[in-house]
Amino acid sequence: MSRRYTKADLEQIVSVQLENLNAMHDLLNIMKHQNELLNNANNKLKDEMTNFKQKVYPTRKRNS
């Protein structure tokens, strides 16, 4: 059974598809921004860990 679509039906379908594409585009932009924030946080944490490891802490002398 094939359905016959009117011009109005097709326009509505295209309109809904365009809305969905715009929504996906917005979500992709949000995800890209979140990814950038995560990368920045990871780089900052990596730098802090590197600085922490490079610090020299005095050690207690052992009694022998």
PDB file of N, CA and C in Angstrom:
ATOM      1  N   MET A   1       0.834  -1.166   0.000  1.00  0.00           N
ATOM      2  CA  MET A   1       0.000   0.000   0.000  1.00  0.00           C
ATOM      3  C   MET A   1       0.889   1.243   0.000  1.00  0.00           C
ATOM      4  N   SER A   2       0.782   2.003  -1.023  1.00  0.00           N
ATOM      5  CA  SER A   2       1.546   3.241  -1.081  1.00  0.00           C
ATOM      6  C   SER A   2       0.628   4.406  -0.755  1.00  0.00           C
ATOM      7  N   ARG A   3       1.200   5.311  -0.012  1.00  0.00           N
ATOM      8  CA  ARG A   3       0.406   6.470   0.377  1.00  0.00           C
ATOM      9  C   ARG A   3       0.758   7.643  -0.523  1.00  0.00           C
ATOM     10  N   ARG A   4      -0.221   8.406  -0.881  1.00  0.00           N
ATOM     11  CA  ARG A   4      -0.014   9.592  -1.706  1.00  0.00           C
ATOM     12  C   ARG A   4       0.125  10.788  -0.768  1.00  0.00           C
ATOM     13  N   TYR A   5       1.245  11.469  -0.863  1.00  0.00           N
ATOM     14  CA  TYR A   5       1.483  12.638  -0.035  1.00  0.00           C
ATOM     15  C   TYR A   5       1.109  13.904  -0.799  1.00  0.00           C
ATOM     16  N   THR A   6       0.469  14.804  -0.093  1.00  0.00           N
ATOM     17  CA  THR A   6       0.154  16.092  -0.699  1.00  0.00           C
ATOM     18  C   THR A   6       1.350  17.016  -0.513  1.00  0.00           C
ATOM     19  N   LYS A   7       1.314  18.123  -1.200  1.00  0.00           N
ATOM     20  CA  LYS A   7       2.389  19.101  -1.070  1.00  0.00           C
ATOM     21  C   LYS A   7       2.481  19.581   0.374  1.00  0.00           C
ATOM     22  N   ALA A   8       1.347  19.795   1.014  1.00  0.00           N
ATOM     23  CA  ALA A   8       1.327  20.244   2.410  1.00  0.00           C
ATOM     24  C   ALA A   8       1.956  19.198   3.333  1.00  0.00           C
ATOM     25  N   ASP A   9       1.659  17.900   3.065  1.00  0.00           N
ATOM     26  CA  ASP A   9       2.266  16.825   3.861  1.00  0.00           C
ATOM     27  C   ASP A   9       3.783  16.848   3.738  1.00  0.00           C
ATOM     28  N   LEU A  10       4.267  16.975   2.511  1.00  0.00           N
ATOM     29  CA  LEU A  10       5.707  16.975   2.272  1.00  0.00           C
ATOM     30  C   LEU A  10       6.367  18.202   2.902  1.00  0.00           C
ATOM     31  N   GLU A  11       5.702  19.341   2.840  1.00  0.00           N
ATOM     32  CA  GLU A  11       6.248  20.552   3.454  1.00  0.00           C
ATOM     33  C   GLU A  11       6.344  20.389   4.970  1.00  0.00           C
ATOM     34  N   GLN A  12       5.346  19.750   5.551  1.00  0.00           N
ATOM     35  CA  GLN A  12       5.369  19.523   6.985  1.00  0.00           C
ATOM     36  C   GLN A  12       6.498  18.555   7.360  1.00  0.00           C
ATOM     37  N   ILE A  13       6.675  17.508   6.572  1.00  0.00           N
ATOM     38  CA  ILE A  13       7.748  16.542   6.828  1.00  0.00           C
ATOM     39  C   ILE A  13       9.105  17.227   6.747  1.00  0.00           C
ATOM     40  N   VAL A  14       9.307  18.030   5.713  1.00  0.00           N
ATOM     41  CA  VAL A  14      10.578  18.741   5.545  1.00  0.00           C
ATOM     42  C   VAL A  14      10.791  19.722   6.693  1.00  0.00           C
ATOM     43  N   SER A  15       9.732  20.378   7.125  1.00  0.00           N
ATOM     44  CA  SER A  15       9.825  21.326   8.236  1.00  0.00           C
ATOM     45  C   SER A  15      10.259  20.618   9.520  1.00  0.00           C
ATOM     46  N   VAL A  16       9.666  19.473   9.794  1.00  0.00           N
ATOM     47  CA  VAL A  16      10.027  18.707  10.992  1.00  0.00           C
ATOM     48  C   VAL A  16      11.471  18.217  10.895  1.00  0.00           C
ATOM     49  N   GLN A  17      11.885  17.765   9.723  1.00  0.00           N
ATOM     50  CA  GLN A  17      13.261  17.317   9.542  1.00  0.00           C
ATOM     51  C   GLN A  17      14.240  18.474   9.760  1.00  0.00           C
ATOM     52  N   LEU A  18      13.896  19.653   9.283  1.00  0.00           N
ATOM     53  CA  LEU A  18      14.747  20.821   9.476  1.00  0.00           C
ATOM     54  C   LEU A  18      14.855  21.174  10.953  1.00  0.00           C
ATOM     55  N   GLU A  19      13.743  21.113  11.674  1.00  0.00           N
ATOM     56  CA  GLU A  19      13.775  21.362  13.117  1.00  0.00           C
ATOM     57  C   GLU A  19      14.686  20.355  13.815  1.00  0.00           C
ATOM     58  N   ASN A  20      14.583  19.091  13.428  1.00  0.00           N
ATOM     59  CA  ASN A  20      15.422  18.051  14.032  1.00  0.00           C
ATOM     60  C   ASN A  20      16.900  18.287  13.724  1.00  0.00           C
ATOM     61  N   LEU A  21      17.194  18.670  12.499  1.00  0.00           N
ATOM     62  CA  LEU A  21      18.584  18.962  12.140  1.00  0.00           C
ATOM     63  C   LEU A  21      19.122  20.140  12.938  1.00  0.00           C
ATOM     64  N   ASN A  22      18.313  21.171  13.107  1.00  0.00           N
ATOM     65  CA  ASN A  22      18.737  22.320  13.898  1.00  0.00           C
ATOM     66  C   ASN A  22      18.962  21.930  15.357  1.00  0.00           C
ATOM     67  N   ALA A  23      18.102  21.089  15.888  1.00  0.00           N
ATOM     68  CA  ALA A  23      18.260  20.624  17.270  1.00  0.00           C
ATOM     69  C   ALA A  23      19.540  19.807  17.410  1.00  0.00           C
ATOM     70  N   MET A  24      19.831  18.933  16.437  1.00  0.00           N
ATOM     71  CA  MET A  24      21.062  18.140  16.484  1.00  0.00           C
ATOM     72  C   MET A  24      22.286  19.035  16.378  1.00  0.00           C
ATOM     73  N   HIS A  25      22.195  20.071  15.549  1.00  0.00           N
ATOM     74  CA  HIS A  25      23.302  21.020  15.408  1.00  0.00           C
ATOM     75  C   HIS A  25      23.572  21.716  16.736  1.00  0.00           C
ATOM     76  N   ASP A  26      22.510  22.138  17.411  1.00  0.00           N
ATOM     77  CA  ASP A  26      22.661  22.779  18.722  1.00  0.00           C
ATOM     78  C   ASP A  26      23.305  21.827  19.727  1.00  0.00           C
ATOM     79  N   LEU A  27      22.851  20.572  19.728  1.00  0.00           N
ATOM     80  CA  LEU A  27      23.426  19.586  20.648  1.00  0.00           C
ATOM     81  C   LEU A  27      24.898  19.329  20.349  1.00  0.00           C
ATOM     82  N   LEU A  28      25.254  19.278  19.070  1.00  0.00           N
ATOM     83  CA  LEU A  28      26.660  19.088  18.710  1.00  0.00           C
ATOM     84  C   LEU A  28      27.511  20.256  19.188  1.00  0.00           C
ATOM     85  N   ASN A  29      26.994  21.465  19.055  1.00  0.00           N
ATOM     86  CA  ASN A  29      27.739  22.628  19.540  1.00  0.00           C
ATOM     87  C   ASN A  29      27.929  22.567  21.056  1.00  0.00           C
ATOM     88  N   ILE A  30      26.889  22.151  21.772  1.00  0.00           N
ATOM     89  CA  ILE A  30      26.998  22.009  23.226  1.00  0.00           C
ATOM     90  C   ILE A  30      28.037  20.952  23.572  1.00  0.00           C
ATOM     91  N   MET A  31      28.017  19.823  22.864  1.00  0.00           N
ATOM     92  CA  MET A  31      28.974  18.754  23.129  1.00  0.00           C
ATOM     93  C   MET A  31      30.402  19.201  22.825  1.00  0.00           C
ATOM     94  N   LYS A  32      30.597  19.966  21.757  1.00  0.00           N
ATOM     95  CA  LYS A  32      31.930  20.478  21.435  1.00  0.00           C
ATOM     96  C   LYS A  32      32.423  21.398  22.544  1.00  0.00           C
ATOM     97  N   HIS A  33      31.541  22.251  23.039  1.00  0.00           N
ATOM     98  CA  HIS A  33      31.917  23.159  24.121  1.00  0.00           C
ATOM     99  C   HIS A  33      32.273  22.376  25.383  1.00  0.00           C
ATOM    100  N   GLN A  34      31.473  21.368  25.719  1.00  0.00           N
ATOM    101  CA  GLN A  34      31.759  20.540  26.888  1.00  0.00           C
ATOM    102  C   GLN A  34      33.078  19.812  26.717  1.00  0.00           C
ATOM    103  N   ASN A  35      33.367  19.354  25.510  1.00  0.00           N
ATOM    104  CA  ASN A  35      34.616  18.657  25.240  1.00  0.00           C
ATOM    105  C   ASN A  35      35.808  19.589  25.439  1.00  0.00           C
ATOM    106  N   GLU A  36      35.667  20.842  24.985  1.00  0.00           N
ATOM    107  CA  GLU A  36      36.730  21.820  25.188  1.00  0.00           C
ATOM    108  C   GLU A  36      36.952  22.077  26.675  1.00  0.00           C
ATOM    109  N   LEU A  37      35.855  22.195  27.428  1.00  0.00           N
ATOM    110  CA  LEU A  37      35.978  22.402  28.870  1.00  0.00           C
ATOM    111  C   LEU A  37      36.675  21.221  29.541  1.00  0.00           C
ATOM    112  N   LEU A  38      36.318  20.016  29.143  1.00  0.00           N
ATOM    113  CA  LEU A  38      36.965  18.820  29.702  1.00  0.00           C
ATOM    114  C   LEU A  38      38.447  18.772  29.350  1.00  0.00           C
ATOM    115  N   ASN A  39      38.779  19.104  28.113  1.00  0.00           N
ATOM    116  CA  ASN A  39      40.185  19.115  27.721  1.00  0.00           C
ATOM    117  C   ASN A  39      40.971  20.143  28.518  1.00  0.00           C
ATOM    118  N   ASN A  40      40.389  21.324  28.719  1.00  0.00           N
ATOM    119  CA  ASN A  40      41.059  22.349  29.514  1.00  0.00           C
ATOM    120  C   ASN A  40      41.255  21.886  30.956  1.00  0.00           C
ATOM    121  N   ALA A  41      40.233  21.276  31.524  1.00  0.00           N
ATOM    122  CA  ALA A  41      40.337  20.775  32.897  1.00  0.00           C
ATOM    123  C   ALA A  41      41.391  19.674  32.986  1.00  0.00           C
ATOM    124  N   ASN A  42      41.432  18.782  32.009  1.00  0.00           N
ATOM    125  CA  ASN A  42      42.428  17.713  32.006  1.00  0.00           C
ATOM    126  C   ASN A  42      43.838  18.270  31.891  1.00  0.00           C
ATOM    127  N   ASN A  43      44.023  19.269  31.035  1.00  0.00           N
ATOM    128  CA  ASN A  43      45.345  19.867  30.890  1.00  0.00           C
ATOM    129  C   ASN A  43      45.771  20.570  32.167  1.00  0.00           C
ATOM    130  N   LYS A  44      44.846  21.256  32.808  1.00  0.00           N
ATOM    131  CA  LYS A  44      45.154  21.933  34.065  1.00  0.00           C
ATOM    132  C   LYS A  44      45.526  20.916  35.141  1.00  0.00           C
ATOM    133  N   LEU A  45      44.769  19.843  35.228  1.00  0.00           N
ATOM    134  CA  LEU A  45      45.052  18.800  36.207  1.00  0.00           C
ATOM    135  C   LEU A  45      46.410  18.159  35.929  1.00  0.00           C
ATOM    136  N   LYS A  46      46.705  17.913  34.659  1.00  0.00           N
ATOM    137  CA  LYS A  46      47.989  17.329  34.289  1.00  0.00           C
ATOM    138  C   LYS A  46      49.136  18.247  34.702  1.00  0.00           C
ATOM    139  N   ASP A  47      48.977  19.548  34.460  1.00  0.00           N
ATOM    140  CA  ASP A  47      50.006  20.506  34.852  1.00  0.00           C
ATOM    141  C   ASP A  47      50.171  20.545  36.370  1.00  0.00           C
ATOM    142  N   GLU A  48      49.060  20.530  37.093  1.00  0.00           N
ATOM    143  CA  GLU A  48      49.130  20.538  38.544  1.00  0.00           C
ATOM    144  C   GLU A  48      49.812  19.285  39.076  1.00  0.00           C
ATOM    145  N   MET A  49      49.528  18.137  38.467  1.00  0.00           N
ATOM    146  CA  MET A  49      50.175  16.887  38.896  1.00  0.00           C
ATOM    147  C   MET A  49      51.670  16.927  38.612  1.00  0.00           C
ATOM    148  N   THR A  50      52.033  17.474  37.469  1.00  0.00           N
ATOM    149  CA  THR A  50      53.449  17.587  37.117  1.00  0.00           C
ATOM    150  C   THR A  50      54.166  18.487  38.124  1.00  0.00           C
ATOM    151  N   ASN A  51      53.550  19.626  38.440  1.00  0.00           N
ATOM    152  CA  ASN A  51      54.148  20.539  39.418  1.00  0.00           C
ATOM    153  C   ASN A  51      54.237  19.885  40.794  1.00  0.00           C
ATOM    154  N   PHE A  52      53.220  19.144  41.175  1.00  0.00           N
ATOM    155  CA  PHE A  52      53.212  18.463  42.471  1.00  0.00           C
ATOM    156  C   PHE A  52      54.334  17.434  42.545  1.00  0.00           C
ATOM    157  N   LYS A  53      54.539  16.687  41.482  1.00  0.00           N
ATOM    158  CA  LYS A  53      55.581  15.654  41.468  1.00  0.00           C
ATOM    159  C   LYS A  53      56.976  16.265  41.481  1.00  0.00           C
ATOM    160  N   GLN A  54      57.118  17.476  40.946  1.00  0.00           N
ATOM    161  CA  GLN A  54      58.439  18.103  40.864  1.00  0.00           C
ATOM    162  C   GLN A  54      58.846  18.759  42.171  1.00  0.00           C
ATOM    163  N   LYS A  55      57.905  19.000  43.076  1.00  0.00           N
ATOM    164  CA  LYS A  55      58.246  19.612  44.359  1.00  0.00           C
ATOM    165  C   LYS A  55      59.091  18.644  45.173  1.00  0.00           C
ATOM    166  N   VAL A  56      60.070  19.198  45.851  1.00  0.00           N
ATOM    167  CA  VAL A  56      60.929  18.372  46.696  1.00  0.00           C
ATOM    168  C   VAL A  56      60.474  18.565  48.127  1.00  0.00           C
ATOM    169  N   TYR A  57      60.125  17.482  48.776  1.00  0.00           N
ATOM    170  CA  TYR A  57      59.684  17.527  50.156  1.00  0.00           C
ATOM    171  C   TYR A  57      60.791  16.957  51.025  1.00  0.00           C
ATOM    172  N   PRO A  58      61.071  17.630  52.139  1.00  0.00           N
ATOM    173  CA  PRO A  58      62.120  17.107  53.031  1.00  0.00           C
ATOM    174  C   PRO A  58      61.677  15.781  53.640  1.00  0.00           C
ATOM    175  N   THR A  59      62.641  14.892  53.759  1.00  0.00           N
ATOM    176  CA  THR A  59      62.346  13.602  54.349  1.00  0.00           C
ATOM    177  C   THR A  59      62.996  13.525  55.727  1.00  0.00           C
ATOM    178  N   ARG A  60      62.438  12.709  56.551  1.00  0.00           N
ATOM    179  CA  ARG A  60      62.945  12.543  57.887  1.00  0.00           C
ATOM    180  C   ARG A  60      64.167  11.629  57.845  1.00  0.00           C
ATOM    181  N   LYS A  61      65.198  12.003  58.634  1.00  0.00           N
ATOM    182  CA  LYS A  61      66.398  11.162  58.673  1.00  0.00           C
ATOM    183  C   LYS A  61      66.087   9.909  59.492  1.00  0.00           C
ATOM    184  N   ARG A  62      66.612   8.806  59.017  1.00  0.00           N
ATOM    185  CA  ARG A  62      66.414   7.538  59.732  1.00  0.00           C
ATOM    186  C   ARG A  62      67.527   7.368  60.768  1.00  0.00           C
ATOM    187  N   ASN A  63      67.153   6.878  61.905  1.00  0.00           N
ATOM    188  CA  ASN A  63      68.147   6.550  62.928  1.00  0.00           C
ATOM    189  C   ASN A  63      68.679   5.163  62.679  1.00  0.00           C
ATOM    190  N   SER A  64      69.975   5.099  62.432  1.00  0.00           N
ATOM    191  CA  SER A  64      70.563   3.776  62.164  1.00  0.00           C
ATOM    192  C   SER A  64      71.440   3.357  63.310  1.00  0.00           C
TER     193      SER A  64
END
